[in-house]
Protein backbone atom coordinates (compact mmCIF):
# COMPACT_ATOMS: atom_id res chain seq x y z
CA MET A 1 0.00 0.00 0.00
CA ALA A 2 1.33 3.44 -0.96
CA ARG A 3 2.05 5.81 1.87
CA GLN A 4 -0.33 8.70 2.41
CA GLN A 5 0.25 11.87 4.34
CA HIS A 6 -2.38 12.33 7.02
CA ILE A 7 -3.46 15.21 9.18
CA VAL A 8 -5.56 14.27 12.19
CA MET A 9 -7.89 16.87 13.71
CA PHE A 10 -9.67 16.55 17.05
CA PRO A 11 -12.13 19.23 18.26
CA PHE A 12 -13.68 19.39 21.70
CA MET A 13 -17.27 18.11 21.88
CA ALA A 14 -19.08 21.42 21.39
CA GLN A 15 -20.77 22.81 18.29
CA GLY A 16 -18.82 26.07 18.49
CA HIS A 17 -15.60 24.05 18.32
CA ILE A 18 -16.58 21.34 15.81
CA ILE A 19 -17.76 23.84 13.17
CA PRO A 20 -14.48 25.83 12.91
CA PHE A 21 -12.48 22.58 13.00
CA LEU A 22 -14.49 21.21 10.09
CA ALA A 23 -14.05 24.49 8.20
CA LEU A 24 -10.27 24.32 8.71
CA ALA A 25 -10.23 20.66 7.66
CA LYS A 26 -12.00 21.57 4.42
CA LEU A 27 -9.68 24.53 3.80
CA ILE A 28 -6.55 22.40 4.29
CA ALA A 29 -7.97 19.61 2.13
CA GLN A 30 -8.86 22.00 -0.69
CA ARG A 31 -5.45 23.68 -0.65
CA HIS A 32 -3.49 20.44 -0.28
CA PRO A 33 -5.44 17.75 -2.15
CA ALA A 34 -2.64 15.18 -1.74
CA LEU A 35 -3.24 15.19 2.02
CA THR A 36 -5.87 13.13 3.81
CA VAL A 37 -7.53 14.99 6.67
CA THR A 38 -9.33 12.95 9.31
CA LEU A 39 -11.59 14.67 11.83
CA LEU A 40 -12.19 12.70 15.02
CA ASN A 41 -14.96 12.95 17.56
CA THR A 42 -17.44 10.92 19.56
CA PRO A 43 -19.99 8.72 17.74
CA LEU A 44 -23.05 10.98 17.95
CA ASN A 45 -21.13 14.09 16.89
CA ILE A 46 -19.69 12.26 13.88
CA GLN A 47 -23.11 10.82 13.08
CA SER A 48 -24.58 14.33 13.17
CA LEU A 49 -21.96 15.57 10.69
CA GLN A 50 -22.47 12.58 8.41
CA SER A 51 -26.25 12.99 8.34
CA SER A 52 -26.11 16.72 7.63
CA ASN A 53 -26.30 18.32 4.22
CA VAL A 54 -22.81 19.79 4.64
CA LEU A 55 -20.53 18.69 1.81
CA HIS A 56 -16.89 17.77 2.41
CA PRO A 57 -13.97 17.32 -0.02
CA SER A 58 -13.30 13.65 -0.75
CA ASN A 59 -10.01 13.80 1.18
CA VAL A 60 -11.78 14.82 4.41
CA HIS A 61 -12.74 11.78 6.47
CA LEU A 62 -14.89 11.60 9.60
CA LYS A 63 -14.01 9.02 12.24
CA SER A 64 -15.65 8.26 15.59
CA LEU A 65 -13.88 7.18 18.77
CA PRO A 66 -15.61 5.08 21.46
CA TYR A 67 -17.09 7.19 24.24
CA ARG A 68 -19.03 6.47 27.43
CA GLY A 69 -20.24 9.69 28.96
CA THR A 70 -22.49 7.80 31.37
CA ASP A 71 -19.33 6.75 33.25
CA PHE A 72 -19.01 10.43 34.22
CA GLY A 73 -22.61 10.98 35.27
CA LEU A 74 -23.79 12.28 31.90
CA PRO A 75 -27.20 11.22 30.58
CA PRO A 76 -27.28 8.72 27.69
CA GLY A 77 -26.73 10.43 24.36
CA ALA A 78 -25.05 13.51 25.85
CA GLU A 79 -21.93 13.94 23.72
CA ASN A 80 -22.06 17.67 23.02
CA THR A 81 -22.23 20.69 25.33
CA ASP A 82 -25.18 21.94 23.26
CA SER A 83 -27.38 19.33 24.93
CA LEU A 84 -26.28 20.02 28.51
CA PRO A 85 -27.13 22.56 31.23
CA LEU A 86 -24.18 24.49 32.68
CA PRO A 87 -23.81 22.38 35.87
CA SER A 88 -23.27 19.24 33.76
CA ILE A 89 -20.73 20.73 31.36
CA ILE A 90 -17.79 20.11 33.71
CA ARG A 91 -18.61 16.40 33.39
CA ILE A 92 -18.18 16.44 29.63
CA PHE A 93 -14.90 18.32 30.09
CA ASP A 94 -13.63 15.67 32.50
CA SER A 95 -14.92 12.85 30.29
CA SER A 96 -12.88 14.12 27.33
CA GLU A 97 -9.68 12.79 28.93
CA SER A 98 -11.11 9.26 28.75
CA LEU A 99 -10.69 9.47 24.96
CA GLN A 100 -6.88 9.29 25.25
CA PRO A 101 -6.48 5.48 24.92
CA HIS A 102 -8.90 5.45 21.98
CA LEU A 103 -6.90 8.19 20.23
CA VAL A 104 -3.65 6.26 20.82
CA ARG A 105 -5.24 3.12 19.37
CA PHE A 106 -6.53 4.97 16.31
CA LEU A 107 -3.15 6.61 15.63
CA SER A 108 -1.33 3.29 16.05
CA GLU A 109 -3.66 1.61 13.56
CA LEU A 110 -3.35 4.52 11.13
CA THR A 111 0.45 4.35 11.33
CA ARG A 112 0.48 0.59 10.81
CA GLU A 113 -1.88 0.81 7.82
CA ASN A 114 0.36 3.52 6.34
CA ASN A 115 3.47 1.31 6.28
CA GLY A 116 4.77 2.68 9.56
CA GLN A 117 4.42 6.36 8.67
CA PRO A 118 2.68 8.34 11.44
CA PRO A 119 0.45 11.33 10.74
CA LEU A 120 2.06 14.46 9.39
CA LEU A 121 0.38 16.64 12.02
CA ILE A 122 -2.13 16.46 14.86
CA ILE A 123 -4.33 19.54 15.27
CA ALA A 124 -6.27 19.28 18.52
CA ASP A 125 -8.48 21.54 20.55
CA VAL A 126 -6.79 23.68 23.18
CA PHE A 127 -9.26 22.05 25.61
CA LEU A 128 -7.69 18.67 24.73
CA GLY A 129 -4.18 19.56 25.87
CA TRP A 130 -3.49 15.92 26.76
CA THR A 131 -3.15 15.23 23.03
CA VAL A 132 0.26 16.97 23.14
CA ASP A 133 1.63 14.03 25.15
CA VAL A 134 0.15 11.58 22.64
CA ALA A 135 1.79 13.43 19.74
CA ARG A 136 5.14 13.54 21.55
CA SER A 137 5.04 9.78 22.15
CA LEU A 138 4.72 9.25 18.38
CA GLY A 139 7.19 11.97 17.38
CA VAL A 140 4.43 13.81 15.51
CA PRO A 141 4.16 17.64 15.35
CA HIS A 142 1.22 19.04 17.29
CA ALA A 143 -0.78 22.24 16.96
CA SER A 144 -3.24 23.45 19.59
CA PHE A 145 -6.26 25.01 17.91
CA THR A 146 -8.16 27.72 19.76
CA THR A 147 -11.52 28.38 18.15
CA CYS A 148 -11.71 31.71 20.03
CA GLY A 149 -10.02 34.93 19.03
CA ALA A 150 -6.47 35.78 20.08
CA PHE A 151 -7.49 38.42 22.64
CA GLY A 152 -10.10 36.16 24.23
CA THR A 153 -7.71 33.20 24.27
CA ALA A 154 -4.90 35.20 25.88
CA ALA A 155 -7.27 36.52 28.57
CA TYR A 156 -8.87 33.13 29.19
CA MET A 157 -5.50 31.40 29.56
CA SER A 158 -4.13 34.03 31.91
CA LEU A 159 -7.23 34.05 34.09
CA TRP A 160 -7.28 30.27 34.52
CA LEU A 161 -3.54 29.92 35.05
CA HIS A 162 -3.23 32.80 37.55
CA LEU A 163 -6.76 33.31 38.99
CA PRO A 164 -5.96 37.01 39.64
CA HIS A 165 -9.42 37.74 41.03
CA VAL A 166 -8.63 35.52 44.02
CA ALA A 167 -5.73 37.79 45.02
CA ALA A 168 -7.70 41.02 44.50
CA PRO A 169 -8.38 43.07 47.66
CA PRO A 170 -11.60 42.09 49.48
CA GLY A 171 -14.57 43.93 48.08
CA SER A 172 -12.70 44.96 44.93
CA ARG A 173 -14.62 44.46 41.69
CA GLU A 174 -11.66 45.28 39.45
CA PHE A 175 -8.33 43.54 38.96
CA ASN A 176 -5.33 43.37 36.63
CA VAL A 177 -4.68 40.42 34.34
CA PRO A 178 -1.14 38.96 34.33
CA GLY A 179 0.56 39.35 30.95
CA PHE A 180 -1.65 42.29 29.94
CA PRO A 181 -0.82 46.02 30.10
CA GLU A 182 -1.23 47.64 33.52
CA ALA A 183 -4.05 49.81 32.18
CA PHE A 184 -6.03 46.73 31.16
CA LYS A 185 -8.44 45.74 33.91
CA LEU A 186 -11.33 43.33 34.21
CA GLN A 187 -14.28 43.36 36.56
CA THR A 188 -15.66 40.36 38.40
CA ASP A 189 -18.91 40.54 36.42
CA GLN A 190 -16.84 39.93 33.27
CA MET A 191 -16.28 36.37 34.42
CA SER A 192 -18.49 33.30 34.22
CA SER A 193 -19.99 32.18 37.53
CA TYR A 194 -17.79 29.08 37.63
CA MET A 195 -14.66 31.20 37.08
CA ARG A 196 -15.65 33.70 39.80
CA ALA A 197 -16.01 30.77 42.21
CA ALA A 198 -12.71 29.17 41.14
CA ASP A 199 -9.91 28.99 43.71
CA GLY A 200 -7.54 26.48 42.12
CA SER A 201 -8.91 23.42 43.88
CA ASP A 202 -12.29 23.26 42.14
CA PRO A 203 -13.00 20.92 39.16
CA TRP A 204 -13.10 23.77 36.62
CA SER A 205 -9.69 25.14 37.67
CA ARG A 206 -8.09 21.72 37.74
CA PHE A 207 -9.35 20.84 34.26
CA PHE A 208 -8.45 24.11 32.53
CA ARG A 209 -5.07 24.43 34.19
CA ARG A 210 -4.17 20.90 33.07
CA GLN A 211 -5.25 21.46 29.49
CA ILE A 212 -3.84 24.98 29.07
CA THR A 213 -0.46 24.03 30.55
CA ARG A 214 -0.21 21.06 28.20
CA SER A 215 -1.43 23.01 25.17
CA LEU A 216 1.33 25.58 25.72
CA ARG A 217 3.86 22.75 25.22
CA SER A 218 2.58 22.25 21.68
CA ASP A 219 4.61 23.15 18.58
CA ALA A 220 2.12 25.81 17.49
CA ILE A 221 -1.14 27.55 18.26
CA VAL A 222 -3.70 27.83 15.47
CA CYS A 223 -6.15 30.67 16.03
CA ASN A 224 -9.44 31.40 14.29
CA THR A 225 -8.71 35.06 13.71
CA VAL A 226 -7.23 37.53 11.25
CA GLU A 227 -3.78 39.11 11.69
CA GLU A 228 -4.86 42.57 10.57
CA VAL A 229 -8.00 42.61 12.76
CA GLU A 230 -6.49 41.31 16.00
CA THR A 231 -3.03 42.85 15.89
CA GLU A 232 -2.93 43.58 19.63
CA GLY A 233 -4.61 40.32 20.64
CA LEU A 234 -2.10 38.29 18.63
CA ARG A 235 0.79 40.25 20.12
CA LEU A 236 -0.45 39.41 23.62
CA LEU A 237 -1.05 35.76 22.77
CA ARG A 238 2.39 35.35 21.19
CA ARG A 239 4.12 37.03 24.12
CA ASN A 240 2.20 35.16 26.82
CA ALA A 241 2.53 31.79 25.06
CA GLY A 242 6.31 32.08 24.93
CA GLY A 243 8.71 32.89 22.11
CA GLY A 244 9.18 29.31 20.94
CA LEU A 245 5.52 28.72 20.15
CA ARG A 246 4.42 29.80 16.68
CA VAL A 247 0.95 31.29 16.32
CA PHE A 248 -0.92 30.85 13.03
CA PRO A 249 -4.01 33.09 12.53
CA VAL A 250 -6.10 31.21 9.94
CA GLY A 251 -9.51 32.86 10.20
CA PRO A 252 -12.21 33.58 9.60
CA LEU A 253 -13.24 29.93 9.36
CA LEU A 254 -16.65 30.66 7.90
CA PRO A 255 -18.13 31.12 4.44
CA LEU A 256 -17.61 34.61 3.07
CA GLU A 257 -20.56 33.97 0.79
CA SER A 258 -23.52 31.95 2.03
CA ASN A 259 -26.91 30.91 0.77
CA SER A 260 -28.32 28.02 2.72
CA SER A 261 -31.31 27.08 4.84
CA HIS A 262 -28.99 25.08 7.11
CA ASP A 263 -26.37 26.32 9.54
CA ARG A 264 -22.79 25.13 9.12
CA SER A 265 -23.43 22.01 11.18
CA GLY A 266 -26.31 21.03 8.91
CA ARG A 267 -29.14 21.96 11.28
CA LYS A 268 -32.33 23.16 9.63
CA SER A 269 -33.36 26.75 10.15
CA GLY A 270 -36.62 27.53 11.93
CA VAL A 271 -37.65 29.77 9.03
CA GLU A 272 -37.27 29.52 5.27
CA VAL A 273 -34.42 31.65 3.97
CA GLY A 274 -36.59 33.03 1.18
CA CYS A 275 -39.22 34.23 3.65
CA ILE A 276 -36.78 36.04 5.90
CA VAL A 277 -34.96 37.60 2.93
CA LYS A 278 -38.28 38.85 1.54
CA TRP A 279 -39.09 40.40 4.94
CA LEU A 280 -35.64 42.03 5.12
CA ASP A 281 -36.09 43.35 1.57
CA SER A 282 -39.11 45.33 2.79
CA HIS A 283 -37.04 47.39 5.25
CA GLU A 284 -34.61 50.25 4.80
CA SER A 285 -30.88 49.73 4.55
CA GLY A 286 -29.18 49.35 7.93
CA SER A 287 -32.43 49.63 9.92
CA VAL A 288 -32.92 46.06 11.21
CA VAL A 289 -31.62 44.66 14.51
CA PHE A 290 -30.75 40.96 14.53
CA VAL A 291 -30.95 39.39 18.02
CA SER A 292 -29.40 36.02 18.81
CA PHE A 293 -27.60 34.63 21.85
CA GLY A 294 -26.20 31.50 20.18
CA SER A 295 -27.12 27.86 20.56
CA GLN A 296 -26.29 27.43 24.26
CA ASN A 297 -27.22 30.74 25.83
CA THR A 298 -30.31 32.52 27.02
CA VAL A 299 -31.27 35.35 29.36
CA SER A 300 -33.49 35.48 32.43
CA ALA A 301 -37.26 35.85 32.18
CA SER A 302 -37.20 39.45 33.44
CA GLN A 303 -34.37 40.36 31.05
CA MET A 304 -36.34 38.84 28.18
CA MET A 305 -39.34 41.02 29.01
CA SER A 306 -37.16 44.15 29.08
CA LEU A 307 -35.45 43.19 25.83
CA ALA A 308 -38.80 42.80 24.08
CA ALA A 309 -40.10 46.11 25.45
CA GLY A 310 -36.90 47.92 24.48
CA LEU A 311 -36.91 46.57 20.94
CA GLU A 312 -40.53 47.62 20.51
CA ALA A 313 -39.88 51.08 21.94
CA SER A 314 -36.91 51.65 19.61
CA GLY A 315 -39.24 51.58 16.62
CA HIS A 316 -36.65 49.68 14.61
CA PRO A 317 -37.56 46.40 12.91
CA PHE A 318 -35.90 43.31 14.31
CA VAL A 319 -35.34 39.59 13.81
CA TRP A 320 -35.07 37.75 17.13
CA VAL A 321 -34.06 34.12 17.59
CA VAL A 322 -36.02 33.27 20.74
CA ARG A 323 -35.27 30.51 23.23
CA PRO A 324 -36.84 29.70 26.60
CA PRO A 325 -35.45 31.86 29.42
CA LEU A 326 -32.98 30.79 32.07
CA GLY A 327 -34.21 27.85 34.14
CA PHE A 328 -36.12 26.19 31.30
CA ASP A 329 -35.05 23.51 28.84
CA LEU A 330 -33.59 25.37 25.84
CA SER A 331 -34.89 22.68 23.49
CA SER A 332 -38.50 23.03 24.70
CA GLU A 333 -41.20 25.00 22.91
CA PHE A 334 -41.13 28.77 23.34
CA ARG A 335 -44.18 30.09 25.23
CA PRO A 336 -45.93 33.42 24.54
CA GLU A 337 -46.07 34.10 28.32
CA TRP A 338 -42.33 34.79 28.30
CA LEU A 339 -42.95 37.97 26.30
CA PRO A 340 -45.12 41.04 26.98
CA GLN A 341 -48.81 40.33 26.39
CA GLY A 342 -49.69 40.47 22.70
CA PHE A 343 -46.08 41.27 21.74
CA GLU A 344 -45.65 38.79 18.90
CA GLU A 345 -49.08 39.57 17.46
CA ARG A 346 -48.34 43.33 17.47
CA MET A 347 -44.98 42.79 15.79
CA ARG A 348 -46.47 40.53 13.16
CA ALA A 349 -49.34 42.93 12.43
CA SER A 350 -47.06 45.96 12.15
CA GLY A 351 -44.34 44.13 10.21
CA LYS A 352 -41.85 45.40 12.79
CA GLY A 353 -40.59 42.13 14.18
CA VAL A 354 -39.99 38.48 13.34
CA LEU A 355 -39.51 35.84 16.04
CA ILE A 356 -37.69 32.70 14.96
CA ARG A 357 -37.79 29.50 16.98
CA ARG A 358 -34.65 27.36 17.31
CA TRP A 359 -32.24 28.11 14.42
CA ALA A 360 -31.93 31.07 12.10
CA PRO A 361 -30.01 31.53 8.83
CA GLN A 362 -27.58 33.82 10.65
CA LEU A 363 -25.10 34.46 7.85
CA GLU A 364 -27.88 35.30 5.40
CA ILE A 365 -29.43 37.75 7.86
CA LEU A 366 -26.10 39.41 8.65
CA SER A 367 -25.28 39.58 4.92
CA HIS A 368 -28.47 41.46 4.06
CA GLY A 369 -28.17 45.20 3.51
CA SER A 370 -31.12 45.92 5.80
CA THR A 371 -29.32 44.53 8.85
CA GLY A 372 -27.74 47.39 10.80
CA ALA A 373 -26.90 45.85 14.18
CA PHE A 374 -26.37 42.45 15.77
CA LEU A 375 -27.44 42.16 19.42
CA SER A 376 -25.20 39.24 20.32
CA HIS A 377 -23.76 37.21 23.19
CA CYS A 378 -20.37 37.86 21.54
CA GLY A 379 -19.42 34.24 21.03
CA TRP A 380 -16.36 34.38 18.79
CA ASN A 381 -17.98 32.73 15.78
CA SER A 382 -20.78 35.31 15.93
CA VAL A 383 -18.31 38.19 16.28
CA LEU A 384 -16.41 36.98 13.21
CA GLU A 385 -19.60 36.52 11.22
CA SER A 386 -20.72 40.03 12.10
CA LEU A 387 -17.36 41.65 11.31
CA SER A 388 -17.08 39.74 8.03
CA ARG A 389 -20.38 41.33 6.99
CA GLY A 390 -19.52 44.80 8.31
CA VAL A 391 -22.34 44.74 10.89
CA CYS A 392 -21.96 46.58 14.22
CA ILE A 393 -22.48 44.71 17.48
CA ILE A 394 -24.55 45.38 20.58
CA GLY A 395 -22.85 43.17 23.14
CA TRP A 396 -24.57 41.13 25.82
CA PRO A 397 -21.93 38.56 26.88
CA LEU A 398 -23.23 35.66 28.95
CA ALA A 399 -20.39 33.19 29.57
CA SER A 400 -16.85 32.05 28.90
CA GLU A 401 -14.61 34.35 26.82
CA GLN A 402 -17.63 36.28 25.51
CA PHE A 403 -16.96 39.00 28.10
CA TYR A 404 -13.48 39.67 26.68
CA ASN A 405 -14.76 39.56 23.10
CA SER A 406 -17.38 42.17 24.00
CA LYS A 407 -14.72 44.34 25.66
CA MET A 408 -12.54 44.12 22.55
CA VAL A 409 -15.48 44.93 20.24
CA GLU A 410 -16.31 48.08 22.21
CA GLU A 411 -12.92 49.35 23.39
CA GLU A 412 -10.35 48.20 20.83
CA LEU A 413 -12.17 47.64 17.54
CA ARG A 414 -14.80 50.27 18.40
CA VAL A 415 -17.49 48.66 16.29
CA GLY A 416 -20.13 48.27 18.99
CA THR A 417 -21.42 49.01 22.44
CA GLU A 418 -22.03 46.75 25.43
CA LEU A 419 -25.62 46.67 26.66
CA ALA A 420 -25.45 44.20 29.56
CA ARG A 421 -23.46 41.36 31.13
CA GLY A 422 -24.71 37.99 32.22
CA THR A 423 -28.11 36.82 33.39
CA VAL A 424 -28.22 38.44 36.85
CA GLU A 425 -27.95 42.13 35.97
CA GLU A 426 -31.18 44.12 35.80
CA VAL A 427 -31.68 45.28 32.22
CA ARG A 428 -34.04 48.18 31.66
CA SER A 429 -36.03 48.50 28.45
CA GLU A 430 -34.79 52.10 28.17
CA ALA A 431 -31.19 50.82 27.99
CA VAL A 432 -32.12 48.42 25.18
CA GLU A 433 -33.83 51.22 23.26
CA ALA A 434 -30.86 53.56 23.78
CA ALA A 435 -28.32 50.97 22.59
CA VAL A 436 -30.32 50.26 19.43
CA ARG A 437 -30.70 53.96 18.64
CA LEU A 438 -27.01 54.63 19.35
CA VAL A 439 -25.80 52.02 16.87
CA ILE A 440 -28.39 52.51 14.14
CA GLU A 441 -29.26 56.22 14.30
CA GLY A 442 -26.52 58.32 15.83
CA ASP A 443 -23.28 59.85 14.56
CA GLU A 444 -21.36 57.45 16.79
CA GLY A 445 -23.18 54.57 15.13
CA ARG A 446 -22.20 55.84 11.68
CA GLU A 447 -18.55 55.92 12.78
CA MET A 448 -18.89 52.37 14.09
CA LYS A 449 -20.32 51.31 10.74
CA GLU A 450 -17.37 52.84 8.89
CA ARG A 451 -14.94 50.93 11.10
CA ALA A 452 -16.95 47.72 10.71
CA SER A 453 -16.80 48.12 6.93
CA LYS A 454 -13.01 48.51 7.19
CA TYR A 455 -12.74 45.23 9.12
CA ARG A 456 -14.98 43.55 6.58
CA ARG A 457 -12.49 44.48 3.85
CA MET A 458 -9.54 43.29 5.98
CA ILE A 459 -11.19 39.92 6.57
CA ARG A 460 -11.87 39.40 2.89
CA GLU A 461 -8.33 40.39 1.98
CA ALA A 462 -6.97 37.86 4.49
CA MET A 463 -8.73 35.01 2.66
CA ARG A 464 -7.98 36.26 -0.86
CA GLU A 465 -5.69 34.49 -3.30
CA GLU A 466 -4.96 35.82 -6.77
CA GLY A 467 -2.02 34.35 -8.59
CA GLU A 468 1.05 34.65 -6.38
CA VAL A 469 -0.68 37.03 -3.99
CA LYS A 470 -2.02 35.40 -0.83
CA GLY A 471 -3.93 36.96 2.03
CA SER A 472 -2.46 36.65 5.53
CA SER A 473 -4.73 33.80 6.66
CA ILE A 474 -4.15 31.78 3.49
CA ARG A 475 -0.39 32.19 4.01
CA SER A 476 -0.77 31.01 7.61
CA VAL A 477 -2.56 27.82 6.55
CA ASP A 478 0.18 27.03 4.05
CA GLU A 479 2.93 27.86 6.56
CA LEU A 480 1.33 25.53 9.12
CA ILE A 481 1.38 22.65 6.66
CA GLU A 482 4.93 23.50 5.59
CA MET A 483 6.01 23.42 9.24
CA ALA A 484 4.63 19.89 9.55
CA MET A 485 6.15 18.75 6.25
CA SER A 486 9.52 20.21 7.18
CA SER A 487 9.43 18.31 10.47
CA SER A 488 8.52 15.12 8.60
CA ARG A 489 11.41 15.58 6.14
CA SER A 490 13.94 16.17 8.91
CA THR A 491 12.68 13.07 10.76
CA SER A 492 13.04 10.98 7.59
CA VAL A 493 16.65 12.08 7.13
CA GLN A 494 17.63 11.09 10.67
């Protein structure tokens, strides 16, 4: 059997991680058709990808590894954070380490079938830092892939490794972050509840410290961002990661043109694309607010009421992806009682608002000229999608690194404003109305739009290739593969 050169990719079991991994796998496979790219995950996640309508190049393979989440107290069929409430997510984190022997077995079989040649490169999630040790044992180059932005990753790593909030003076809400400029400060409400409670001995701290420490021993960090957009974030990440660790910005890992009734994981939208486009066509350029908090997030019942009232008071048309409020099953049916009385009927009658259950064609909505603002949880994929379309952001971060993404959007990129943080804060309808008017109507909003349009151009340039001219992200992808090939050649010579 002729030898093949393989790249093995292994995302963490979360939709926001699997989607960028698959996008990178397809990009590598398209640019390097002689390579075989295998994406690994647990059986149900692989089954979901296989049953979707998402097309893959023929040299991208999907492979499942055995997994028993029930051994860690997870319910049967729970193999993705999308299906779990927050208190159970630490269990899926801990369970991920049980995949190590199955990965070793797969890589051993792959090497044997390939006449003794191991994979060219292992690209694994930064949350799966234990894969660095597996790669080292085989003498295979390893890259840790962070599906977040550079700024968010640098902040997240520093916070977990140093827990600076623990050392802050009693009663202090503000603290410095190690590895960041002295002027850069975070507040305790810019941290997830599990991070605020972390003291180094808790399960969350133990898991993230293990994985981050191991990931920083990798040969490279691959980051879903753009060099020209996150100049400062990449500088911080490179400095804090150490001089010997190369950082490859390869984003944005999303379609720059999109026309589909499915999201990138193959899930069907809750509304026909043609219907929503027709509705958007009926509104003025830049007048519509798109509201979505992602697949795993929601707000409290009182916040939802205020959000609805504020959107209505703003007078601006909106598209809102609604989910049950905090404390209810996110996959259950949405009830009218969670909104002001008669709200949906009034919006439908006036043509001012559309409520979408479950999934929305997000890229198509953001791409439409009528969309003027994105009220978002500031998950990194959503931030990238918004910037790639030149749409300003109204931030409402709810968890994880979303708080740092929102801070960057408002303070560094200056393409948005932050409305609220988390699910505890009281949100007044007047604040919602003011944020919408600021971004869509005011002079400040026009300046934000100009900057957002500039970042849109930067993002498209980063992914451009014309003749010998390559954008920065395309160059990074090729340099990552060349790094692996160079390592393979030097190993062969020895």
